[in-house]
Amino acid sequence: MESLMSGLLCGVLYGLFAGQPLTILGSTGPVLVFETILYDFCKTHDYHYLNMRLYIGLWMMAILFLMVATDLSYLVCYITRFTEENFATLISVIFIFKAFENVSALI
């Protein structure tokens, strides 16, 4: 629910200030997989999910500032179609595994 609300807020602010109100922002497959894994991790280790999410956001902010300051965007040219296909396959396998896991939990 928090991801949905933050996506709504960021999408509205982006649409208002970017001059592109028809841009659709939303959670993608890898984000959904990350959120479910993080939530399960926090539940099993008795951590507060929102606190962990805040720390992850702060670390991501620091890493992205470092990447912008050192102009590391040139590394994108090394991402090949093979890398993209492997990543997409990994996400698909995770979704299929989770589906079978949920079905087996009902039985």
Protein backbone atom coordinates (compact mmCIF):
# COMPACT_ATOMS: atom_id res chain seq x y z
CA MET A 1 0.00 0.00 0.00
CA GLU A 2 2.86 2.38 0.80
CA SER A 3 4.44 1.75 -2.59
CA LEU A 4 1.15 2.52 -4.30
CA MET A 5 0.65 5.77 -2.38
CA SER A 6 4.23 6.93 -2.91
CA GLY A 7 3.94 6.09 -6.61
CA LEU A 8 0.75 8.15 -6.78
CA LEU A 9 2.36 11.13 -5.06
CA CYS A 10 5.53 10.98 -7.16
CA GLY A 11 3.52 10.53 -10.36
CA VAL A 12 1.31 13.55 -9.66
CA LEU A 13 4.29 15.73 -8.73
CA TYR A 14 6.21 14.53 -11.79
CA GLY A 15 3.23 15.23 -14.04
CA LEU A 16 2.76 18.71 -12.60
CA PHE A 17 6.38 19.86 -12.69
CA ALA A 18 7.83 17.93 -15.66
CA GLY A 19 5.37 19.26 -18.22
CA GLN A 20 4.41 15.74 -19.27
CA PRO A 21 1.08 14.95 -17.57
CA LEU A 22 0.41 11.85 -19.67
CA THR A 23 3.53 9.98 -18.55
CA ILE A 24 2.51 6.83 -16.69
CA LEU A 25 4.68 5.93 -13.73
CA GLY A 26 4.20 2.72 -11.85
CA SER A 27 5.80 -0.25 -10.21
CA THR A 28 7.47 -2.68 -12.55
CA GLY A 29 8.14 -6.39 -12.17
CA PRO A 30 11.57 -6.07 -10.55
CA VAL A 31 10.26 -3.49 -8.07
CA LEU A 32 7.38 -5.77 -7.11
CA VAL A 33 9.74 -8.72 -6.63
CA PHE A 34 12.07 -6.56 -4.53
CA GLU A 35 9.22 -5.29 -2.36
CA THR A 36 7.86 -8.77 -1.65
CA ILE A 37 11.32 -10.15 -0.83
CA LEU A 38 12.08 -7.16 1.41
CA TYR A 39 8.75 -7.46 3.21
CA ASP A 40 9.26 -11.18 3.83
CA PHE A 41 12.81 -10.49 5.04
CA CYS A 42 11.60 -7.82 7.47
CA LYS A 43 8.83 -10.07 8.75
CA THR A 44 11.13 -13.03 9.41
CA HIS A 45 13.87 -10.94 11.08
CA ASP A 46 11.45 -8.72 13.03
CA TYR A 47 12.52 -5.44 11.38
CA HIS A 48 10.22 -2.52 10.71
CA TYR A 49 9.47 -2.49 6.99
CA LEU A 50 9.11 1.28 6.58
CA ASN A 51 12.34 1.97 8.48
CA MET A 52 14.19 -0.48 6.26
CA ARG A 53 12.61 1.14 3.21
CA LEU A 54 13.81 4.56 4.40
CA TYR A 55 17.38 3.30 4.82
CA ILE A 56 17.32 1.75 1.36
CA GLY A 57 16.05 5.02 -0.09
CA LEU A 58 18.80 7.01 1.62
CA TRP A 59 21.48 4.61 0.40
CA MET A 60 20.07 4.75 -3.12
CA MET A 61 20.11 8.55 -2.98
CA ALA A 62 23.77 8.55 -1.93
CA ILE A 63 24.75 6.03 -4.61
CA LEU A 64 22.87 7.92 -7.33
CA PHE A 65 24.45 11.23 -6.32
CA LEU A 66 27.85 9.55 -6.53
CA MET A 67 27.01 8.14 -9.96
CA VAL A 68 25.87 11.55 -11.20
CA ALA A 69 28.91 13.32 -9.78
CA THR A 70 31.31 10.89 -11.47
CA ASP A 71 29.28 10.61 -14.72
CA LEU A 72 28.93 6.83 -14.60
CA SER A 73 26.04 6.85 -17.07
CA TYR A 74 28.49 6.00 -19.85
CA LEU A 75 28.47 2.41 -18.53
CA VAL A 76 24.99 1.92 -20.03
CA CYS A 77 26.60 1.19 -23.40
CA TYR A 78 27.88 -2.10 -21.94
CA ILE A 79 24.37 -3.40 -21.22
CA THR A 80 23.64 -5.79 -24.05
CA ARG A 81 20.46 -7.49 -25.14
CA PHE A 82 21.81 -10.69 -23.57
CA THR A 83 21.94 -8.99 -20.16
CA GLU A 84 18.40 -7.65 -20.56
CA GLU A 85 17.06 -11.05 -21.59
CA ASN A 86 18.73 -12.78 -18.63
CA PHE A 87 17.29 -10.25 -16.23
CA ALA A 88 13.81 -10.61 -17.74
CA THR A 89 14.09 -14.39 -17.49
CA LEU A 90 15.08 -14.14 -13.83
CA ILE A 91 12.06 -11.96 -13.07
CA SER A 92 9.77 -14.37 -14.94
CA VAL A 93 11.14 -17.36 -13.05
CA ILE A 94 10.62 -15.57 -9.74
CA PHE A 95 6.99 -14.77 -10.63
CA ILE A 96 6.34 -18.37 -11.72
CA PHE A 97 7.95 -19.70 -8.53
CA LYS A 98 5.83 -17.35 -6.38
CA ALA A 99 2.67 -18.46 -8.22
CA PHE A 100 3.40 -22.13 -7.55
CA GLU A 101 4.27 -21.28 -3.96
CA ASN A 102 0.91 -19.53 -3.44
CA VAL A 103 -1.01 -22.39 -5.07
CA SER A 104 0.76 -24.99 -2.94
CA ALA A 105 -0.05 -22.97 0.18
CA LEU A 106 -3.76 -23.28 -0.64
CA ILE A 107 -3.60 -27.07 -0.93
